[in-house]
Amino acid sequence: MMSFFRTIRFYFDAWWYGGRCEVKKRVRVKSTALFQGQGLLILNEQVTLGYTLAGGIALPIILQPRESQSVIQIGQRTAIMNGCELIARTSIVIGMDCRIGPHTLIYDADFHGLAPDQRDELGKTAAVHLEDNVWVGSRSIILKGVNIGRDAVIAAGSVVTKNVQAGAIVAGNPASQVGSVYEKSTK
């Protein structure tokens, strides 16, 4: 029953901010999740937002398509854990069957210029796309313009600044490939 009221809140928040949302069937909202912004949020069937045992239970999931043309789309059966922030000026598209660990940040923009005299100006923006079955470990950061290929694994605490190939295992800051889920282990 709590999931129902939390889902209804998306529609209220969308109305409040002047945004739009589409929540498909059997979406489960198991902790606080907030819609903010004037863009479009799409939660496809069987998306799960939050989990009581995932850590950071007191931290909300922030879903923020900031501008009227911004889109955040989350694919079927994807799970996003507590304390995650998805903030888009253009678009963030997450495929089906993805797992996003707690405290993960996904941003598609710099939000302001980098030079001291440009910090009141809008920064660069580029869409972010996670293909199907991507696993993102806790406290990772995925930045603008990144495409993460199908089946890839992002190790906990990684900062992803460039594209990740399908099946790659990446780790570090900045993240680099350390293996592949497609390689057979000889251990």
C-alpha atoms as a PDB file:
ATOM      1  CA  MET A   1       0.000   0.000   0.000  1.00  0.00           C
ATOM      2  CA  MET A   2       2.895   2.368   0.816  1.00  0.00           C
ATOM      3  CA  SER A   3       4.270   1.882  -2.718  1.00  0.00           C
ATOM      4  CA  PHE A   4       0.918   3.053  -4.129  1.00  0.00           C
ATOM      5  CA  PHE A   5       1.049   6.346  -2.205  1.00  0.00           C
ATOM      6  CA  ARG A   6       4.713   6.863  -3.074  1.00  0.00           C
ATOM      7  CA  THR A   7       3.873   6.308  -6.748  1.00  0.00           C
ATOM      8  CA  ILE A   8       0.998   8.789  -6.593  1.00  0.00           C
ATOM      9  CA  ARG A   9       3.468  11.319  -5.208  1.00  0.00           C
ATOM     10  CA  PHE A  10       5.308  11.315  -8.581  1.00  0.00           C
ATOM     11  CA  TYR A  11       2.188  12.676 -10.252  1.00  0.00           C
ATOM     12  CA  PHE A  12       1.756  15.328  -7.575  1.00  0.00           C
ATOM     13  CA  ASP A  13       5.428  16.344  -7.793  1.00  0.00           C
ATOM     14  CA  ALA A  14       5.218  16.495 -11.607  1.00  0.00           C
ATOM     15  CA  TRP A  15       2.200  18.765 -11.357  1.00  0.00           C
ATOM     16  CA  TRP A  16       3.937  20.902  -8.725  1.00  0.00           C
ATOM     17  CA  TYR A  17       7.121  21.411 -10.787  1.00  0.00           C
ATOM     18  CA  GLY A  18       5.382  21.631 -14.171  1.00  0.00           C
ATOM     19  CA  GLY A  19       6.849  18.307 -15.346  1.00  0.00           C
ATOM     20  CA  ARG A  20       5.347  15.102 -16.671  1.00  0.00           C
ATOM     21  CA  CYS A  21       5.581  11.494 -15.590  1.00  0.00           C
ATOM     22  CA  GLU A  22       4.525   8.093 -16.862  1.00  0.00           C
ATOM     23  CA  VAL A  23       4.462   5.294 -14.308  1.00  0.00           C
ATOM     24  CA  LYS A  24       3.757   1.876 -15.836  1.00  0.00           C
ATOM     25  CA  LYS A  25       2.298  -1.210 -14.131  1.00  0.00           C
ATOM     26  CA  ARG A  26       3.822  -2.881 -11.076  1.00  0.00           C
ATOM     27  CA  VAL A  27       6.343  -0.148 -10.265  1.00  0.00           C
ATOM     28  CA  ARG A  28       7.494  -0.617  -6.659  1.00  0.00           C
ATOM     29  CA  VAL A  29       8.621   2.397  -4.643  1.00  0.00           C
ATOM     30  CA  LYS A  30      10.104   0.981  -1.439  1.00  0.00           C
ATOM     31  CA  SER A  31      11.701   4.137  -0.030  1.00  0.00           C
ATOM     32  CA  THR A  32      11.407   7.870  -0.524  1.00  0.00           C
ATOM     33  CA  ALA A  33      11.783   8.868  -4.180  1.00  0.00           C
ATOM     34  CA  LEU A  34      11.339  12.441  -5.379  1.00  0.00           C
ATOM     35  CA  PHE A  35      10.485  13.818  -8.818  1.00  0.00           C
ATOM     36  CA  GLN A  36      11.865  17.324  -9.406  1.00  0.00           C
ATOM     37  CA  GLY A  37      11.944  19.330 -12.605  1.00  0.00           C
ATOM     38  CA  GLN A  38       9.971  20.366 -15.654  1.00  0.00           C
ATOM     39  CA  GLY A  39      10.848  17.423 -17.891  1.00  0.00           C
ATOM     40  CA  LEU A  40       9.550  13.894 -18.421  1.00  0.00           C
ATOM     41  CA  LEU A  41      10.077  10.901 -16.131  1.00  0.00           C
ATOM     42  CA  ILE A  42       9.220   7.425 -17.489  1.00  0.00           C
ATOM     43  CA  LEU A  43       9.228   4.458 -15.108  1.00  0.00           C
ATOM     44  CA  ASN A  44       8.581   1.282 -17.102  1.00  0.00           C
ATOM     45  CA  GLU A  45       6.967  -1.907 -15.805  1.00  0.00           C
ATOM     46  CA  GLN A  46       8.361  -3.565 -12.687  1.00  0.00           C
ATOM     47  CA  VAL A  47      10.897  -0.837 -11.892  1.00  0.00           C
ATOM     48  CA  THR A  48      11.948  -0.933  -8.233  1.00  0.00           C
ATOM     49  CA  LEU A  49      13.003   2.233  -6.437  1.00  0.00           C
ATOM     50  CA  GLY A  50      14.735   1.695  -3.101  1.00  0.00           C
ATOM     51  CA  TYR A  51      15.193  -1.209  -0.741  1.00  0.00           C
ATOM     52  CA  THR A  52      15.198  -1.190   3.051  1.00  0.00           C
ATOM     53  CA  LEU A  53      18.363  -3.307   3.363  1.00  0.00           C
ATOM     54  CA  ALA A  54      20.414  -1.474   0.717  1.00  0.00           C
ATOM     55  CA  GLY A  55      21.855   1.196   3.007  1.00  0.00           C
ATOM     56  CA  GLY A  56      21.114   4.900   2.985  1.00  0.00           C
ATOM     57  CA  ILE A  57      17.444   4.237   3.739  1.00  0.00           C
ATOM     58  CA  ALA A  58      16.998   7.800   5.032  1.00  0.00           C
ATOM     59  CA  LEU A  59      18.283   9.275   1.754  1.00  0.00           C
ATOM     60  CA  PRO A  60      15.732   9.846  -1.021  1.00  0.00           C
ATOM     61  CA  ILE A  61      16.173   8.824  -4.624  1.00  0.00           C
ATOM     62  CA  ILE A  62      16.218  12.054  -6.673  1.00  0.00           C
ATOM     63  CA  LEU A  63      14.842  11.847 -10.221  1.00  0.00           C
ATOM     64  CA  GLN A  64      15.274  15.278 -11.759  1.00  0.00           C
ATOM     65  CA  PRO A  65      14.636  15.963 -15.445  1.00  0.00           C
ATOM     66  CA  ARG A  66      15.372  19.668 -14.957  1.00  0.00           C
ATOM     67  CA  GLU A  67      14.194  21.365 -18.117  1.00  0.00           C
ATOM     68  CA  SER A  68      11.037  20.973 -20.202  1.00  0.00           C
ATOM     69  CA  GLN A  69      12.845  18.940 -22.894  1.00  0.00           C
ATOM     70  CA  SER A  70      14.749  16.761 -20.377  1.00  0.00           C
ATOM     71  CA  VAL A  71      13.941  13.040 -20.116  1.00  0.00           C
ATOM     72  CA  ILE A  72      14.769  10.360 -17.578  1.00  0.00           C
ATOM     73  CA  GLN A  73      13.656   6.906 -18.704  1.00  0.00           C
ATOM     74  CA  ILE A  74      14.122   3.752 -16.638  1.00  0.00           C
ATOM     75  CA  GLY A  75      13.676   0.352 -18.288  1.00  0.00           C
ATOM     76  CA  GLN A  76      11.658  -2.658 -17.206  1.00  0.00           C
ATOM     77  CA  ARG A  77      12.761  -4.593 -14.120  1.00  0.00           C
ATOM     78  CA  THR A  78      15.528  -2.112 -13.307  1.00  0.00           C
ATOM     79  CA  ALA A  79      16.292  -1.496  -9.623  1.00  0.00           C
ATOM     80  CA  ILE A  80      17.622   1.806  -8.317  1.00  0.00           C
ATOM     81  CA  MET A  81      18.688   1.873  -4.688  1.00  0.00           C
ATOM     82  CA  ASN A  82      18.465   4.468  -1.930  1.00  0.00           C
ATOM     83  CA  GLY A  83      20.281   7.787  -2.144  1.00  0.00           C
ATOM     84  CA  CYS A  84      20.770   7.758  -5.933  1.00  0.00           C
ATOM     85  CA  GLU A  85      20.545  10.990  -7.929  1.00  0.00           C
ATOM     86  CA  LEU A  86      19.672  11.071 -11.620  1.00  0.00           C
ATOM     87  CA  ILE A  87      19.805  14.659 -12.856  1.00  0.00           C
ATOM     88  CA  ALA A  88      19.269  15.434 -16.551  1.00  0.00           C
ATOM     89  CA  ARG A  89      19.309  18.574 -18.650  1.00  0.00           C
ATOM     90  CA  THR A  90      19.128  16.455 -21.839  1.00  0.00           C
ATOM     91  CA  SER A  91      18.476  12.766 -21.138  1.00  0.00           C
ATOM     92  CA  ILE A  92      19.364   9.791 -19.015  1.00  0.00           C
ATOM     93  CA  VAL A  93      18.132   6.467 -20.396  1.00  0.00           C
ATOM     94  CA  ILE A  94      18.616   3.295 -18.359  1.00  0.00           C
ATOM     95  CA  GLY A  95      17.874  -0.014 -20.067  1.00  0.00           C
ATOM     96  CA  MET A  96      16.074  -3.086 -18.811  1.00  0.00           C
ATOM     97  CA  ASP A  97      17.258  -5.317 -15.948  1.00  0.00           C
ATOM     98  CA  CYS A  98      19.876  -2.868 -14.635  1.00  0.00           C
ATOM     99  CA  ARG A  99      20.994  -2.687 -10.999  1.00  0.00           C
ATOM    100  CA  ILE A 100      22.042   0.713  -9.661  1.00  0.00           C
ATOM    101  CA  GLY A 101      23.703   0.576  -6.221  1.00  0.00           C
ATOM    102  CA  PRO A 102      22.994   3.007  -3.370  1.00  0.00           C
ATOM    103  CA  HIS A 103      24.408   6.550  -3.426  1.00  0.00           C
ATOM    104  CA  THR A 104      25.119   6.436  -7.189  1.00  0.00           C
ATOM    105  CA  LEU A 105      25.106   9.759  -9.077  1.00  0.00           C
ATOM    106  CA  ILE A 106      24.250  10.011 -12.790  1.00  0.00           C
ATOM    107  CA  TYR A 107      24.525  13.490 -14.328  1.00  0.00           C
ATOM    108  CA  ASP A 108      24.248  14.428 -18.003  1.00  0.00           C
ATOM    109  CA  ALA A 109      25.610  17.975 -17.585  1.00  0.00           C
ATOM    110  CA  ASP A 110      28.271  20.167 -16.000  1.00  0.00           C
ATOM    111  CA  PHE A 111      25.371  22.468 -14.988  1.00  0.00           C
ATOM    112  CA  HIS A 112      27.579  25.591 -15.180  1.00  0.00           C
ATOM    113  CA  GLY A 113      30.726  26.765 -16.901  1.00  0.00           C
ATOM    114  CA  LEU A 114      34.085  25.701 -15.495  1.00  0.00           C
ATOM    115  CA  ALA A 115      36.102  28.922 -15.807  1.00  0.00           C
ATOM    116  CA  PRO A 116      35.570  31.395 -12.945  1.00  0.00           C
ATOM    117  CA  ASP A 117      33.993  33.988 -15.260  1.00  0.00           C
ATOM    118  CA  GLN A 118      31.633  31.355 -16.764  1.00  0.00           C
ATOM    119  CA  ARG A 119      30.147  29.855 -13.605  1.00  0.00           C
ATOM    120  CA  ASP A 120      26.899  31.771 -14.027  1.00  0.00           C
ATOM    121  CA  GLU A 121      26.479  30.314 -17.537  1.00  0.00           C
ATOM    122  CA  LEU A 122      25.059  26.899 -18.444  1.00  0.00           C
ATOM    123  CA  GLY A 123      27.701  24.210 -18.828  1.00  0.00           C
ATOM    124  CA  LYS A 124      27.995  21.448 -21.390  1.00  0.00           C
ATOM    125  CA  THR A 125      25.425  18.660 -21.548  1.00  0.00           C
ATOM    126  CA  ALA A 126      25.347  15.278 -23.306  1.00  0.00           C
ATOM    127  CA  ALA A 127      22.973  12.343 -22.947  1.00  0.00           C
ATOM    128  CA  VAL A 128      23.812   9.332 -20.759  1.00  0.00           C
ATOM    129  CA  HIS A 129      22.730   5.826 -21.765  1.00  0.00           C
ATOM    130  CA  LEU A 130      23.032   2.570 -19.836  1.00  0.00           C
ATOM    131  CA  GLU A 131      22.163  -0.389 -22.032  1.00  0.00           C
ATOM    132  CA  ASP A 132      20.381  -3.500 -20.724  1.00  0.00           C
ATOM    133  CA  ASN A 133      21.640  -5.569 -17.771  1.00  0.00           C
ATOM    134  CA  VAL A 134      24.228  -3.070 -16.491  1.00  0.00           C
ATOM    135  CA  TRP A 135      25.313  -3.380 -12.858  1.00  0.00           C
ATOM    136  CA  VAL A 136      26.529  -0.187 -11.165  1.00  0.00           C
ATOM    137  CA  GLY A 137      28.173  -0.578  -7.753  1.00  0.00           C
ATOM    138  CA  SER A 138      27.495   1.643  -4.765  1.00  0.00           C
ATOM    139  CA  ARG A 139      28.751   5.252  -4.720  1.00  0.00           C
ATOM    140  CA  SER A 140      29.668   5.327  -8.406  1.00  0.00           C
ATOM    141  CA  ILE A 141      29.470   8.495 -10.484  1.00  0.00           C
ATOM    142  CA  ILE A 142      28.517   8.455 -14.170  1.00  0.00           C
ATOM    143  CA  LEU A 143      29.077  11.722 -16.016  1.00  0.00           C
ATOM    144  CA  LYS A 144      27.766  13.409 -19.153  1.00  0.00           C
ATOM    145  CA  GLY A 145      28.011  11.802 -22.582  1.00  0.00           C
ATOM    146  CA  VAL A 146      28.731   8.289 -21.309  1.00  0.00           C
ATOM    147  CA  ASN A 147      27.291   5.170 -22.956  1.00  0.00           C
ATOM    148  CA  ILE A 148      27.627   1.967 -20.927  1.00  0.00           C
ATOM    149  CA  GLY A 149      27.294  -1.197 -22.984  1.00  0.00           C
ATOM    150  CA  ARG A 150      25.080  -4.185 -22.275  1.00  0.00           C
ATOM    151  CA  ASP A 151      26.112  -6.490 -19.378  1.00  0.00           C
ATOM    152  CA  ALA A 152      28.867  -4.105 -18.173  1.00  0.00           C
ATOM    153  CA  VAL A 153      29.813  -3.895 -14.486  1.00  0.00           C
ATOM    154  CA  ILE A 154      30.862  -0.631 -12.833  1.00  0.00           C
ATOM    155  CA  ALA A 155      32.797  -1.329  -9.621  1.00  0.00           C
ATOM    156  CA  ALA A 156      31.767   0.455  -6.428  1.00  0.00           C
ATOM    157  CA  GLY A 157      33.168   3.969  -6.117  1.00  0.00           C
ATOM    158  CA  SER A 158      34.082   4.323  -9.792  1.00  0.00           C
ATOM    159  CA  VAL A 159      33.942   7.625 -11.673  1.00  0.00           C
ATOM    160  CA  VAL A 160      32.897   6.930 -15.264  1.00  0.00           C
ATOM    161  CA  THR A 161      33.903   9.687 -17.684  1.00  0.00           C
ATOM    162  CA  LYS A 162      34.012   7.793 -20.990  1.00  0.00           C
ATOM    163  CA  ASN A 163      32.131   5.030 -22.790  1.00  0.00           C
ATOM    164  CA  VAL A 164      32.233   1.472 -21.455  1.00  0.00           C
ATOM    165  CA  GLN A 165      32.155  -1.506 -23.842  1.00  0.00           C
ATOM    166  CA  ALA A 166      29.571  -4.257 -23.589  1.00  0.00           C
ATOM    167  CA  GLY A 167      30.528  -6.752 -20.887  1.00  0.00           C
ATOM    168  CA  ALA A 168      33.439  -4.684 -19.583  1.00  0.00           C
ATOM    169  CA  ILE A 169      34.248  -4.543 -15.875  1.00  0.00           C
ATOM    170  CA  VAL A 170      35.539  -1.066 -14.998  1.00  0.00           C
ATOM    171  CA  ALA A 171      36.917   0.358 -11.757  1.00  0.00           C
ATOM    172  CA  GLY A 172      38.683   3.431 -10.418  1.00  0.00           C
ATOM    173  CA  ASN A 173      38.794   7.202 -10.779  1.00  0.00           C
ATOM    174  CA  PRO A 174      38.708   7.714 -13.671  1.00  0.00           C
ATOM    175  CA  ALA A 175      37.267   4.270 -14.404  1.00  0.00           C
ATOM    176  CA  SER A 176      39.264   1.968 -16.655  1.00  0.00           C
ATOM    177  CA  GLN A 177      38.663  -1.590 -17.804  1.00  0.00           C
ATOM    178  CA  VAL A 178      39.938  -4.287 -15.445  1.00  0.00           C
ATOM    179  CA  GLY A 179      38.179  -7.307 -16.968  1.00  0.00           C
ATOM    180  CA  SER A 180      35.219  -8.646 -18.890  1.00  0.00           C
ATOM    181  CA  VAL A 181      32.155 -10.572 -17.785  1.00  0.00           C
ATOM    182  CA  TYR A 182      32.512 -12.593 -20.985  1.00  0.00           C
ATOM    183  CA  GLU A 183      35.987 -13.974 -20.106  1.00  0.00           C
ATOM    184  CA  LYS A 184      36.042 -17.469 -18.636  1.00  0.00           C
ATOM    185  CA  SER A 185      37.761 -17.633 -15.249  1.00  0.00           C
ATOM    186  CA  THR A 186      40.587 -20.186 -14.929  1.00  0.00           C
ATOM    187  CA  LYS A 187      40.458 -20.167 -11.123  1.00  0.00           C
END
